[in-house]
Amino acid sequence: MKKLVFSLILVLVFSLTTTILAQNDGTAVTIAGNTAAVTTTLPDVVVSCPPSAVSVPVLRNAEFVFGFANTSDVLVVPNATISEDGVTLTVNATVLSCASTPAEVIMIDRSPSISVNDAIPRPENLEGLPEALTGYAVVNSHAANLRSCDDPTCTRVALVSGGDSLVVLGRNAAQSWWFVQVGDIRGWIWGDLIYLRGDLSDIPFVQTAGEVEPPVFYVGYGGNPLYTDLTASARIACRVQGNSFYPLVGRTARDTYFLVDATCTDGTVVRGWMEANTGLVRNTGRVPVPIYRGFPGEGGAVVLP
């Protein structure tokens, strides 16, 4: 749970006596002199109908927000399983509404992000399952990423193929991104990469706490040297493995060398410097990468735990 502290300046006309007020929501307000400190616990999961009723501080701090524009709307979340012998198909459905509790709506929270070097899942829905709902989506590109939040800088959780049918669970405020389910994976897909089918007018507003793609340095060929530092006496710490993305933690002012956490050919993870022409930088999250000057000992190779 998160805590947020507000500082308010109050003008007390008649008295500056210290007072403690207890509000109906349990928030405590302490007034000392002409300054009031308010401490309140903000919820991690919010259910609100309409979503516009959620205050900005709560919206910014919540990990998951769910709500309908109309209090009578409901969301049907299907779940299908096939028996081990492949004969029996069982389809269950959970109905979420404005009366649902945070513990109930969190069941459709987004799936975990995928590490840059892990194989990305390519899930599929059972044939006919999305089409059985009042509305669904179809991927209209060759392939599309599902992301942890509604922005192209967010981390990936899965990859879907053209023509795949998706179960629609939510949308963002602008209806430019859609929160979908494929198999047992849930994530966000950009609206331009899908066709909408059927009636999706009652789909709820959803907000998830995503993660930004970290900057990485891709090395295609193995055996490139990783240097201990940028001095004339620098030594080669090791030779790195190829076809891998390595966390990018620093760079020189002219981007001629990059400081990375690389995996050596013997499997050891070492922090060191690589020449820019030995790989490619990917920084879709536009994360600032600190500049190192390369003085002795600065950015030296360190074996990571």
Protein backbone atom coordinates (compact mmCIF):
# COMPACT_ATOMS: atom_id res chain seq x y z
CA MET A 1 0.00 0.00 0.00
CA LYS A 2 1.21 3.48 -0.75
CA LYS A 3 1.13 6.56 1.43
CA LEU A 4 0.79 10.08 0.19
CA VAL A 5 1.44 13.19 2.29
CA PHE A 6 -0.17 16.49 1.43
CA SER A 7 1.03 19.79 2.91
CA LEU A 8 -1.67 22.43 3.16
CA ILE A 9 -1.29 26.06 4.18
CA LEU A 10 -4.31 27.19 6.20
CA VAL A 11 -5.25 30.72 7.16
CA LEU A 12 -6.67 30.63 10.69
CA VAL A 13 -8.52 33.86 11.39
CA PHE A 14 -9.64 33.39 15.00
CA SER A 15 -7.19 30.94 16.57
CA LEU A 16 -3.86 29.20 16.02
CA THR A 17 -4.56 26.52 18.60
CA THR A 18 -3.34 23.02 17.60
CA THR A 19 -6.29 20.82 16.59
CA ILE A 20 -6.66 17.20 15.46
CA LEU A 21 -9.54 16.38 13.08
CA ALA A 22 -10.70 12.89 12.16
CA GLN A 23 -12.46 12.74 8.81
CA ASN A 24 -15.10 10.12 7.97
CA ASP A 25 -12.65 8.20 5.74
CA GLY A 26 -10.19 7.76 8.58
CA THR A 27 -7.77 10.37 7.27
CA ALA A 28 -6.07 12.30 10.08
CA VAL A 29 -5.47 16.04 9.77
CA THR A 30 -3.01 17.62 12.21
CA ILE A 31 -2.89 21.44 12.37
CA ALA A 32 0.18 23.00 13.97
CA GLY A 33 0.22 26.78 13.82
CA ASN A 34 -0.91 27.66 10.29
CA THR A 35 0.29 24.45 8.59
CA ALA A 36 -1.69 21.24 8.25
CA ALA A 37 -0.16 17.86 7.44
CA VAL A 38 -2.55 15.29 5.99
CA THR A 39 -1.53 11.64 5.81
CA THR A 40 -3.78 9.19 4.02
CA THR A 41 -3.41 5.66 2.72
CA LEU A 42 -4.09 5.36 -0.99
CA PRO A 43 -5.52 2.09 -2.33
CA ASP A 44 -3.57 -0.13 -4.71
CA VAL A 45 -6.73 -1.34 -6.48
CA VAL A 46 -9.65 0.99 -7.25
CA VAL A 47 -13.17 0.18 -8.47
CA SER A 48 -15.04 3.35 -9.47
CA CYS A 49 -18.22 3.96 -11.47
CA PRO A 50 -17.83 6.30 -13.23
CA PRO A 51 -14.01 6.26 -13.47
CA SER A 52 -13.99 10.08 -13.61
CA ALA A 53 -14.91 10.06 -9.92
CA VAL A 54 -11.40 8.93 -9.01
CA SER A 55 -9.23 11.77 -7.74
CA VAL A 56 -5.96 12.48 -9.54
CA PRO A 57 -3.68 11.46 -6.63
CA VAL A 58 -5.49 8.12 -6.31
CA LEU A 59 -5.38 7.57 -10.09
CA ARG A 60 -1.65 8.25 -10.23
CA ASN A 61 -0.77 5.95 -7.35
CA ALA A 62 -3.10 3.01 -7.93
CA GLU A 63 -1.66 -0.16 -9.44
CA PHE A 64 -4.98 -1.15 -11.00
CA VAL A 65 -8.11 0.92 -11.74
CA PHE A 66 -11.40 -0.52 -13.03
CA GLY A 67 -14.71 1.19 -13.70
CA PHE A 68 -17.74 1.52 -15.99
CA ALA A 69 -19.26 4.70 -17.36
CA ASN A 70 -22.73 3.23 -16.64
CA THR A 71 -23.37 1.50 -13.33
CA SER A 72 -25.52 -1.16 -15.01
CA ASP A 73 -22.72 -2.40 -17.32
CA VAL A 74 -20.95 -5.72 -16.73
CA LEU A 75 -17.84 -7.44 -18.09
CA VAL A 76 -17.90 -11.15 -18.88
CA VAL A 77 -14.45 -12.74 -18.53
CA PRO A 78 -14.36 -16.21 -20.13
CA ASN A 79 -12.00 -18.98 -19.08
CA ALA A 80 -11.77 -22.15 -21.13
CA THR A 81 -9.83 -25.32 -20.37
CA ILE A 82 -9.39 -28.59 -22.26
CA SER A 83 -9.01 -31.93 -20.51
CA GLU A 84 -5.69 -33.75 -20.73
CA ASP A 85 -7.12 -36.21 -23.24
CA GLY A 86 -8.26 -33.29 -25.42
CA VAL A 87 -11.88 -34.45 -25.41
CA THR A 88 -13.66 -32.29 -22.85
CA LEU A 89 -13.91 -28.50 -23.19
CA THR A 90 -14.95 -26.60 -20.08
CA VAL A 91 -15.87 -22.92 -20.32
CA ASN A 92 -16.38 -20.82 -17.21
CA ALA A 93 -17.16 -17.13 -17.00
CA THR A 94 -16.66 -14.49 -14.33
CA VAL A 95 -18.90 -11.43 -14.37
CA LEU A 96 -17.41 -8.16 -13.08
CA SER A 97 -19.53 -5.10 -12.33
CA CYS A 98 -19.55 -1.89 -10.32
CA ALA A 99 -20.43 -4.02 -7.30
CA SER A 100 -17.27 -6.13 -7.67
CA THR A 101 -14.64 -5.83 -4.97
CA PRO A 102 -10.98 -4.92 -5.56
CA ALA A 103 -10.08 -8.54 -4.77
CA GLU A 104 -12.38 -9.66 -7.61
CA VAL A 105 -11.27 -7.20 -10.30
CA ILE A 106 -7.55 -7.69 -9.64
CA MET A 107 -7.92 -11.16 -11.16
CA ILE A 108 -7.70 -9.52 -14.60
CA ASP A 109 -4.57 -7.48 -13.83
CA ARG A 110 -1.93 -7.48 -16.56
CA SER A 111 0.60 -10.29 -16.95
CA PRO A 112 4.27 -9.96 -15.90
CA SER A 113 6.76 -8.32 -18.24
CA ILE A 114 9.20 -10.44 -20.22
CA SER A 115 12.96 -10.06 -19.77
CA VAL A 116 14.70 -8.86 -22.92
CA ASN A 117 16.57 -12.14 -23.46
CA ASP A 118 13.67 -14.48 -22.62
CA ALA A 119 11.52 -16.05 -25.31
CA ILE A 120 8.35 -14.00 -25.58
CA PRO A 121 5.09 -15.96 -25.19
CA ARG A 122 2.83 -16.33 -28.24
CA PRO A 123 -0.51 -17.36 -26.70
CA GLU A 124 -3.73 -18.13 -28.53
CA ASN A 125 -7.38 -18.20 -27.52
CA LEU A 126 -9.45 -21.31 -28.06
CA GLU A 127 -11.16 -21.07 -31.44
CA GLY A 128 -14.56 -19.42 -31.17
CA LEU A 129 -14.14 -18.23 -27.56
CA PRO A 130 -13.79 -14.44 -28.22
CA GLU A 131 -16.47 -14.62 -30.92
CA ALA A 132 -18.96 -15.98 -28.37
CA LEU A 133 -18.90 -12.62 -26.56
CA THR A 134 -20.90 -9.54 -27.58
CA GLY A 135 -17.69 -7.94 -28.85
CA TYR A 136 -14.07 -8.87 -29.48
CA ALA A 137 -10.97 -7.75 -31.39
CA VAL A 138 -8.94 -9.19 -34.28
CA VAL A 139 -5.24 -8.48 -34.92
CA ASN A 140 -4.92 -6.72 -38.29
CA SER A 141 -1.12 -6.70 -38.62
CA HIS A 142 1.44 -9.44 -39.22
CA ALA A 143 2.25 -9.46 -35.48
CA ALA A 144 1.68 -7.17 -32.51
CA ASN A 145 3.05 -6.75 -29.01
CA LEU A 146 0.96 -6.89 -25.87
CA ARG A 147 2.40 -4.44 -23.37
CA SER A 148 2.28 -3.86 -19.61
CA CYS A 149 0.58 -0.45 -20.03
CA ASP A 150 -0.98 1.73 -22.71
CA ASP A 151 2.13 3.25 -24.25
CA PRO A 152 4.69 2.06 -26.82
CA THR A 153 7.49 2.62 -24.28
CA CYS A 154 6.02 0.00 -21.92
CA THR A 155 7.53 -3.47 -21.54
CA ARG A 156 6.22 -6.44 -23.51
CA VAL A 157 4.22 -9.29 -21.99
CA ALA A 158 3.39 -11.32 -25.14
CA LEU A 159 3.27 -11.37 -28.93
CA VAL A 160 0.14 -12.09 -30.98
CA SER A 161 -0.17 -12.95 -34.66
CA GLY A 162 -2.24 -11.50 -37.47
CA GLY A 163 -5.79 -12.82 -37.50
CA ASP A 164 -5.76 -13.79 -33.82
CA SER A 165 -9.06 -13.12 -32.00
CA LEU A 166 -8.71 -11.33 -28.66
CA VAL A 167 -10.97 -11.12 -25.62
CA VAL A 168 -11.41 -7.41 -24.81
CA LEU A 169 -11.31 -6.61 -21.08
CA GLY A 170 -10.88 -2.85 -21.02
CA ARG A 171 -9.76 0.38 -22.68
CA ASN A 172 -7.86 3.52 -21.79
CA ALA A 173 -9.56 6.92 -21.48
CA ALA A 174 -8.86 7.87 -25.11
CA GLN A 175 -9.88 4.42 -26.42
CA SER A 176 -6.56 4.36 -28.30
CA TRP A 177 -5.29 1.27 -26.45
CA TRP A 178 -7.24 -1.86 -25.55
CA PHE A 179 -6.67 -4.23 -22.65
CA VAL A 180 -7.05 -7.77 -23.96
CA GLN A 181 -6.73 -11.41 -22.98
CA VAL A 182 -5.15 -14.17 -25.06
CA GLY A 183 -5.04 -17.58 -23.42
CA ASP A 184 -3.99 -16.85 -19.85
CA ILE A 185 -2.06 -13.67 -20.70
CA ARG A 186 -3.41 -10.13 -20.41
CA GLY A 187 -1.89 -6.93 -21.76
CA TRP A 188 -2.37 -3.78 -23.83
CA ILE A 189 -2.51 -3.54 -27.62
CA TRP A 190 -2.53 -0.35 -29.71
CA GLY A 191 -5.89 0.33 -31.32
CA ASP A 192 -4.40 0.78 -34.82
CA LEU A 193 -3.27 -2.87 -34.79
CA ILE A 194 -6.73 -4.38 -34.31
CA TYR A 195 -10.21 -4.47 -35.80
CA LEU A 196 -13.08 -4.19 -33.32
CA ARG A 197 -15.99 -6.54 -33.87
CA GLY A 198 -19.47 -6.53 -32.32
CA ASP A 199 -20.60 -4.26 -29.50
CA LEU A 200 -17.86 -2.98 -27.16
CA SER A 201 -19.71 0.12 -25.95
CA ASP A 202 -19.90 -1.17 -22.36
CA ILE A 203 -16.22 -2.12 -22.00
CA PRO A 204 -14.81 -0.68 -18.75
CA PHE A 205 -12.02 1.81 -18.27
CA VAL A 206 -8.87 0.04 -17.05
CA GLN A 207 -5.54 1.37 -15.86
CA THR A 208 -2.54 -0.81 -15.01
CA ALA A 209 0.81 0.03 -13.45
CA GLY A 210 3.21 -0.86 -16.24
CA GLU A 211 6.96 -0.70 -16.58
CA VAL A 212 9.12 1.24 -19.03
CA GLU A 213 11.38 -0.69 -21.40
CA PRO A 214 14.95 -0.35 -20.03
CA PRO A 215 17.80 0.69 -22.34
CA VAL A 216 19.80 -2.25 -23.70
CA PHE A 217 22.83 -2.88 -25.89
CA TYR A 218 22.39 -5.67 -28.43
CA VAL A 219 25.46 -7.70 -29.38
CA GLY A 220 24.98 -9.91 -32.42
CA TYR A 221 28.32 -11.69 -32.68
CA GLY A 222 30.05 -13.46 -29.82
CA GLY A 223 33.66 -12.89 -28.80
CA ASN A 224 33.66 -9.09 -28.71
CA PRO A 225 35.86 -7.66 -25.94
CA LEU A 226 34.52 -6.12 -22.72
CA TYR A 227 36.99 -3.60 -21.25
CA THR A 228 37.55 -2.86 -17.57
CA ASP A 229 37.65 0.94 -18.07
CA LEU A 230 38.42 3.64 -20.63
CA THR A 231 42.01 4.38 -19.69
CA ALA A 232 45.10 3.61 -21.77
CA SER A 233 45.93 0.75 -19.40
CA ALA A 234 42.47 -0.85 -19.69
CA ARG A 235 42.46 -4.62 -19.98
CA ILE A 236 39.94 -6.98 -21.51
CA ALA A 237 37.72 -8.30 -18.73
CA CYS A 238 36.31 -11.05 -20.95
CA ARG A 239 34.79 -11.88 -24.31
CA VAL A 240 30.99 -11.62 -24.38
CA GLN A 241 28.30 -13.93 -25.67
CA GLY A 242 26.52 -12.93 -28.87
CA ASN A 243 22.87 -12.69 -29.92
CA SER A 244 21.97 -11.08 -26.58
CA PHE A 245 20.56 -7.85 -25.15
CA TYR A 246 22.59 -6.45 -22.27
CA PRO A 247 21.43 -3.81 -19.72
CA LEU A 248 22.86 -0.42 -20.70
CA VAL A 249 23.98 1.49 -17.60
CA GLY A 250 26.34 4.17 -18.93
CA ARG A 251 27.91 5.80 -21.97
CA THR A 252 30.64 8.21 -23.02
CA ALA A 253 29.77 11.79 -23.99
CA ARG A 254 30.09 11.00 -27.71
CA ASP A 255 28.53 7.52 -27.49
CA THR A 256 31.73 5.83 -28.64
CA TYR A 257 31.69 3.34 -25.74
CA PHE A 258 28.85 1.88 -23.68
CA LEU A 259 28.89 0.53 -20.14
CA VAL A 260 26.92 -2.72 -19.98
CA ASP A 261 26.23 -5.70 -17.74
CA ALA A 262 27.32 -8.42 -20.14
CA THR A 263 27.48 -12.21 -19.98
CA CYS A 264 30.95 -13.55 -20.74
CA THR A 265 31.51 -16.69 -22.79
CA ASP A 266 32.15 -18.59 -19.52
CA GLY A 267 28.71 -17.54 -18.19
CA THR A 268 29.99 -14.90 -15.76
CA VAL A 269 28.09 -11.59 -15.66
CA VAL A 270 30.51 -8.65 -15.71
CA ARG A 271 30.09 -4.88 -15.91
CA GLY A 272 32.41 -3.26 -18.42
CA TRP A 273 32.81 -1.12 -21.53
CA MET A 274 32.12 -2.12 -25.15
CA GLU A 275 32.90 -0.23 -28.32
CA ALA A 276 29.83 1.28 -29.99
CA ASN A 277 30.51 -0.49 -33.29
CA THR A 278 30.18 -3.93 -31.66
CA GLY A 279 26.43 -3.61 -31.08
CA LEU A 280 23.25 -1.58 -31.29
CA VAL A 281 21.46 0.56 -28.66
CA ARG A 282 17.73 0.07 -28.11
CA ASN A 283 16.07 2.61 -25.85
CA THR A 284 12.38 2.69 -26.79
CA GLY A 285 11.52 3.84 -23.27
CA ARG A 286 13.69 6.95 -23.77
CA VAL A 287 15.35 6.36 -20.41
CA PRO A 288 18.25 8.80 -19.73
CA VAL A 289 21.58 6.94 -19.75
CA PRO A 290 24.27 8.56 -17.52
CA ILE A 291 27.52 9.77 -19.04
CA TYR A 292 30.80 8.48 -17.61
CA ARG A 293 34.16 10.16 -18.14
CA GLY A 294 36.20 6.97 -17.96
CA PHE A 295 38.66 7.97 -15.23
CA PRO A 296 40.63 5.14 -13.58
CA GLY A 297 38.32 3.00 -11.47
CA GLU A 298 35.17 4.66 -12.79
CA GLY A 299 33.01 2.10 -14.56
CA GLY A 300 35.52 -0.67 -13.97
CA ALA A 301 34.54 -4.31 -14.44
CA VAL A 302 32.67 -5.74 -11.48
CA VAL A 303 31.36 -9.26 -11.18
CA LEU A 304 27.64 -8.94 -10.38
CA PRO A 305 26.03 -11.10 -7.65
